[in-house]
């Protein structure tokens, strides 16, 4: 299958591209930064196109260029979840691209969503639950999904919406929890400061996330919202302890230094009924 991957050099994208190649798919990798793309191990195995989807995507959707599916991962400005540009800029730009792709004849669209679409709901989160986003990022993603579902009333195409929870692994943002912990350990710090760590979260290694994306793509009958999650919550403190054990580190964990994020409930995790 010829698959176009936007945001190909991002945390999720780089691993999705690698998994697609392993599974024998032909990949057109889209990203804004050519220099960053050249550092990817898969660069010689894909057709790479430098493109900012927010400024000009027309050349990607010419009849001779159309893929059989688009995996849409590009979304600038993360991990800043609170800024209004997610609504004012990212949402209309992404909708314009995906609408144009569908109307050009792309039959299969797979988009990365977010657990922040659920908002401040507590406990297990199912794929059928109503969404109540409380951040601009969550609201923008939720609105994009609903708009694409409405577009299905006018255009025939497969829509898969993979709702991401928490991820860790190679390429994660430098300010993510485990990236900061790894850096503190590698640099020989004696103490690692964190929140109280009692919040329950749903974490997956990034390679499992990539595998889920490709599995969904290869099984188009799995439509609609798809929770990409572990389903087994773990406290942030236990996650940190596990990481320290894995790295054989005795770094002191200093809890309660940072407050809990005010845009997340204390305990929530995904329920996945579609990727089992």
Protein backbone atom coordinates (compact mmCIF):
# COMPACT_ATOMS: atom_id res chain seq x y z
CA UNK A 1 0.00 0.00 0.00
CA UNK A 2 1.20 3.50 -0.81
CA UNK A 3 0.90 5.50 2.42
CA UNK A 4 1.49 9.21 2.94
CA UNK A 5 2.63 10.07 6.47
CA UNK A 6 2.50 13.71 7.56
CA UNK A 7 4.60 14.78 10.52
CA UNK A 8 6.94 11.96 9.54
CA UNK A 9 9.90 13.18 11.63
CA UNK A 10 7.92 13.74 14.84
CA UNK A 11 7.94 11.51 17.91
CA UNK A 12 5.14 9.27 16.63
CA UNK A 13 5.77 9.78 12.92
CA UNK A 14 9.34 8.52 12.81
CA UNK A 15 8.28 5.22 14.38
CA UNK A 16 5.15 4.84 12.26
CA UNK A 17 7.23 5.31 9.10
CA UNK A 18 9.73 2.69 10.29
CA UNK A 19 6.95 0.21 11.07
CA UNK A 20 5.27 0.78 7.70
CA UNK A 21 8.55 0.04 5.92
CA UNK A 22 9.07 -3.15 7.93
CA UNK A 23 5.55 -4.27 6.97
CA UNK A 24 6.30 -3.77 3.27
CA UNK A 25 4.39 -0.56 2.55
CA UNK A 26 5.54 2.20 0.20
CA UNK A 27 5.90 5.42 2.19
CA UNK A 28 5.72 9.07 1.17
CA UNK A 29 7.10 10.93 4.19
CA UNK A 30 6.02 14.57 4.65
CA UNK A 31 7.76 16.99 7.02
CA UNK A 32 8.76 20.63 7.19
CA UNK A 33 12.44 20.20 8.06
CA UNK A 34 14.63 18.52 5.44
CA UNK A 35 17.70 18.53 7.68
CA UNK A 36 15.83 16.69 10.40
CA UNK A 37 14.50 14.18 7.88
CA UNK A 38 18.00 13.44 6.62
CA UNK A 39 18.88 12.18 10.12
CA UNK A 40 16.16 9.53 10.07
CA UNK A 41 17.41 5.97 9.59
CA UNK A 42 14.66 5.32 7.05
CA UNK A 43 15.36 8.32 4.80
CA UNK A 44 16.73 6.20 1.91
CA UNK A 45 13.70 3.89 2.05
CA UNK A 46 10.97 6.51 1.50
CA UNK A 47 9.96 9.23 -0.88
CA UNK A 48 10.55 12.34 1.20
CA UNK A 49 8.76 15.61 0.41
CA UNK A 50 9.50 18.82 2.27
CA UNK A 51 6.19 20.60 2.80
CA UNK A 52 4.45 22.84 5.30
CA UNK A 53 0.82 21.72 5.12
CA UNK A 54 -0.31 25.06 6.54
CA UNK A 55 1.00 27.00 3.57
CA UNK A 56 0.78 24.82 0.48
CA UNK A 57 -0.29 21.22 0.06
CA UNK A 58 -1.69 21.27 -3.49
CA UNK A 59 1.31 19.50 -5.03
CA UNK A 60 0.78 16.54 -2.67
CA UNK A 61 -2.70 15.87 -4.02
CA UNK A 62 -2.11 15.79 -7.76
CA UNK A 63 -3.75 12.73 -9.38
CA UNK A 64 -0.41 11.07 -10.10
CA UNK A 65 0.71 11.56 -6.48
CA UNK A 66 -2.32 10.34 -4.56
CA UNK A 67 -1.65 7.66 -1.94
CA UNK A 68 -3.99 4.85 -0.99
CA UNK A 69 -4.05 6.18 2.57
CA UNK A 70 -2.92 9.17 4.60
CA UNK A 71 -1.66 8.85 8.16
CA UNK A 72 -2.00 12.39 9.45
CA UNK A 73 0.28 13.09 12.42
CA UNK A 74 1.44 16.65 11.74
CA UNK A 75 0.33 19.16 14.37
CA UNK A 76 2.63 22.10 15.23
CA UNK A 77 3.04 23.62 18.66
CA UNK A 78 3.12 20.63 21.00
CA UNK A 79 3.46 20.07 23.91
CA UNK A 80 1.86 23.48 24.49
CA UNK A 81 -1.75 22.38 25.00
CA UNK A 82 -3.19 25.69 26.18
CA UNK A 83 -2.52 28.14 23.36
CA UNK A 84 -5.44 29.31 21.22
CA UNK A 85 -3.48 28.80 17.98
CA UNK A 86 -4.57 25.15 18.04
CA UNK A 87 -8.08 26.42 17.30
CA UNK A 88 -7.33 29.50 15.22
CA UNK A 89 -4.54 28.08 13.03
CA UNK A 90 -4.03 24.32 13.30
CA UNK A 91 -7.70 23.32 13.15
CA UNK A 92 -8.67 25.17 9.93
CA UNK A 93 -5.37 24.30 8.22
CA UNK A 94 -5.67 20.60 9.01
CA UNK A 95 -9.31 20.46 8.02
CA UNK A 96 -8.53 22.18 4.71
CA UNK A 97 -5.80 19.62 3.92
CA UNK A 98 -7.84 16.56 4.85
CA UNK A 99 -10.98 17.78 3.08
CA UNK A 100 -8.93 18.44 -0.06
CA UNK A 101 -7.35 14.98 0.21
CA UNK A 102 -10.73 13.28 0.46
CA UNK A 103 -12.18 15.28 -2.42
CA UNK A 104 -9.10 14.52 -4.52
CA UNK A 105 -9.85 10.83 -4.10
CA UNK A 106 -7.83 9.54 -1.12
CA UNK A 107 -10.05 6.72 0.18
CA UNK A 108 -8.55 6.14 3.63
CA UNK A 109 -7.71 8.73 6.29
CA UNK A 110 -6.11 7.86 9.64
CA UNK A 111 -5.63 10.76 12.07
CA UNK A 112 -3.94 11.04 15.47
CA UNK A 113 -6.31 12.25 18.16
CA UNK A 114 -5.67 12.81 21.86
CA UNK A 115 -6.94 11.67 25.24
CA UNK A 116 -7.36 15.38 26.03
CA UNK A 117 -10.54 15.23 23.96
CA UNK A 118 -12.13 13.59 27.01
CA UNK A 119 -11.41 16.63 29.17
CA UNK A 120 -11.65 16.27 32.96
CA UNK A 121 -13.51 12.98 32.98
CA UNK A 122 -12.30 10.59 35.67
CA UNK A 123 -11.56 6.87 35.51
CA UNK A 124 -11.78 4.49 32.53
CA UNK A 125 -12.41 6.24 29.21
CA UNK A 126 -14.18 4.25 26.50
CA UNK A 127 -14.21 4.92 22.79
CA UNK A 128 -17.96 5.52 22.87
CA UNK A 129 -17.94 8.19 25.58
CA UNK A 130 -18.91 11.77 24.84
CA UNK A 131 -16.02 14.20 24.73
CA UNK A 132 -15.69 17.31 26.89
CA UNK A 133 -12.33 18.91 26.03
CA UNK A 134 -11.07 21.63 28.36
CA UNK A 135 -7.94 22.77 26.51
CA UNK A 136 -7.58 24.50 23.13
CA UNK A 137 -5.59 21.51 21.86
CA UNK A 138 -8.20 18.98 22.96
CA UNK A 139 -11.01 21.13 21.58
CA UNK A 140 -9.29 21.58 18.22
CA UNK A 141 -8.67 17.85 17.82
CA UNK A 142 -12.23 17.04 18.87
CA UNK A 143 -13.64 19.56 16.40
CA UNK A 144 -11.47 18.15 13.59
CA UNK A 145 -12.78 14.64 14.25
CA UNK A 146 -16.40 15.77 14.28
CA UNK A 147 -15.92 17.78 11.09
CA UNK A 148 -14.43 14.76 9.30
CA UNK A 149 -17.33 12.60 10.49
CA UNK A 150 -19.73 15.13 8.99
CA UNK A 151 -17.71 15.09 5.77
CA UNK A 152 -18.41 11.35 5.56
CA UNK A 153 -22.05 12.28 4.92
CA UNK A 154 -20.95 13.90 1.66
CA UNK A 155 -17.87 11.93 0.64
CA UNK A 156 -17.19 8.21 0.90
CA UNK A 157 -13.96 7.47 2.74
CA UNK A 158 -12.63 5.43 5.65
CA UNK A 159 -11.94 7.45 8.79
CA UNK A 160 -9.87 6.04 11.63
CA UNK A 161 -9.25 8.31 14.61
CA UNK A 162 -6.50 6.95 16.85
CA UNK A 163 -6.75 8.62 20.22
CA UNK A 164 -3.30 8.77 21.83
CA UNK A 165 -2.74 8.62 25.57
CA UNK A 166 0.79 8.77 27.05
CA UNK A 167 3.89 7.50 25.27
CA UNK A 168 7.57 7.09 25.97
CA UNK A 169 10.59 6.05 23.99
CA UNK A 170 13.18 7.22 21.47
CA UNK A 171 12.48 10.71 20.17
CA UNK A 172 10.23 11.83 23.04
CA UNK A 173 10.16 15.53 23.84
CA UNK A 174 13.09 16.62 25.98
CA UNK A 175 10.75 18.04 28.63
CA UNK A 176 8.66 14.88 29.01
CA UNK A 177 8.86 13.14 32.37
CA UNK A 178 11.00 10.14 31.46
CA UNK A 179 13.25 12.19 29.19
CA UNK A 180 13.99 14.52 32.09
CA UNK A 181 14.57 11.58 34.42
CA UNK A 182 16.93 9.87 31.96
CA UNK A 183 18.87 13.09 31.55
CA UNK A 184 19.17 13.55 35.32
CA UNK A 185 20.43 10.00 35.74
CA UNK A 186 22.86 10.18 32.82
CA UNK A 187 24.26 13.49 34.07
CA UNK A 188 24.81 12.07 37.55
CA UNK A 189 22.30 14.21 39.45
CA UNK A 190 21.70 13.15 43.04
CA UNK A 191 18.04 14.24 43.13
CA UNK A 192 15.11 14.19 40.69
CA UNK A 193 12.28 16.61 41.43
CA UNK A 194 8.74 15.71 40.43
CA UNK A 195 5.09 16.05 41.43
CA UNK A 196 3.65 13.87 44.20
CA UNK A 197 3.24 11.25 41.50
CA UNK A 198 -0.07 9.81 42.72
CA UNK A 199 -1.88 10.53 39.46
CA UNK A 200 -2.82 7.44 37.45
CA UNK A 201 -1.97 7.50 33.75
CA UNK A 202 -2.02 5.19 30.74
CA UNK A 203 1.42 4.71 29.16
CA UNK A 204 2.56 2.81 26.08
CA UNK A 205 6.05 2.39 24.61
CA UNK A 206 6.26 4.28 21.33
CA UNK A 207 6.98 1.14 19.31
CA UNK A 208 3.68 -0.36 20.46
CA UNK A 209 1.97 2.88 19.47
CA UNK A 210 3.48 2.66 15.98
CA UNK A 211 2.46 -0.98 15.69
CA UNK A 212 -1.12 -0.04 16.61
CA UNK A 213 -1.21 2.62 13.89
CA UNK A 214 -0.09 0.18 11.21
CA UNK A 215 -2.39 -2.58 12.49
CA UNK A 216 -5.36 -0.21 12.25
CA UNK A 217 -4.30 0.92 8.78
CA UNK A 218 -4.14 -2.68 7.58
CA UNK A 219 -7.57 -3.40 9.08
CA UNK A 220 -9.82 -0.69 7.62
CA UNK A 221 -12.97 -2.30 9.02
CA UNK A 222 -11.87 -0.93 12.40
CA UNK A 223 -13.39 2.52 11.93
CA UNK A 224 -14.13 5.57 14.06
CA UNK A 225 -12.45 6.33 17.38
CA UNK A 226 -9.72 3.89 18.39
CA UNK A 227 -8.13 4.23 21.82
CA UNK A 228 -4.39 3.64 21.54
CA UNK A 229 -3.69 2.76 25.13
CA UNK A 230 -2.44 0.22 27.63
CA UNK A 231 -5.67 -0.08 29.57
CA UNK A 232 -3.73 -0.70 32.78
CA UNK A 233 -3.13 2.54 34.67
CA UNK A 234 0.09 3.14 36.56
CA UNK A 235 0.93 5.91 38.99
CA UNK A 236 3.49 8.40 37.76
CA UNK A 237 5.61 7.65 40.83
CA UNK A 238 5.62 3.91 40.06
CA UNK A 239 6.55 4.69 36.48
CA UNK A 240 9.52 6.71 37.70
CA UNK A 241 10.58 3.95 40.09
CA UNK A 242 10.42 1.38 37.30
CA UNK A 243 12.61 3.58 35.12
CA UNK A 244 15.18 4.01 37.88
CA UNK A 245 15.27 0.25 38.39
CA UNK A 246 15.71 -0.33 34.64
CA UNK A 247 18.64 2.09 34.58
CA UNK A 248 20.08 0.71 37.85
CA UNK A 249 19.98 4.18 39.36
CA UNK A 250 19.78 5.16 43.03
CA UNK A 251 18.86 8.76 42.29
CA UNK A 252 16.73 10.24 45.09
CA UNK A 253 13.14 10.94 44.03
CA UNK A 254 12.00 14.24 45.50
CA UNK A 255 8.19 14.16 45.38
CA UNK A 256 5.71 17.01 45.69
CA UNK A 257 7.91 19.72 44.18
CA UNK A 258 5.68 20.43 41.19
CA UNK A 259 1.88 20.78 41.17
CA UNK A 260 -0.41 18.51 39.20
CA UNK A 261 -1.44 19.82 35.75
CA UNK A 262 -4.78 21.57 36.08
CA UNK A 263 -6.04 20.29 32.71
CA UNK A 264 -5.95 16.59 33.64
CA UNK A 265 -8.01 14.62 36.19
CA UNK A 266 -6.09 12.79 38.90
CA UNK A 267 -6.84 9.36 37.48
CA UNK A 268 -7.83 8.35 33.96
CA UNK A 269 -6.91 5.63 31.51
CA UNK A 270 -8.09 4.26 28.20
CA UNK A 271 -10.35 1.33 27.46
CA UNK A 272 -9.49 -0.19 24.11
CA UNK A 273 -12.10 -2.47 22.58
CA UNK A 274 -10.91 -2.27 18.97
CA UNK A 275 -7.22 -3.17 18.88
CA UNK A 276 -7.45 -6.30 21.02
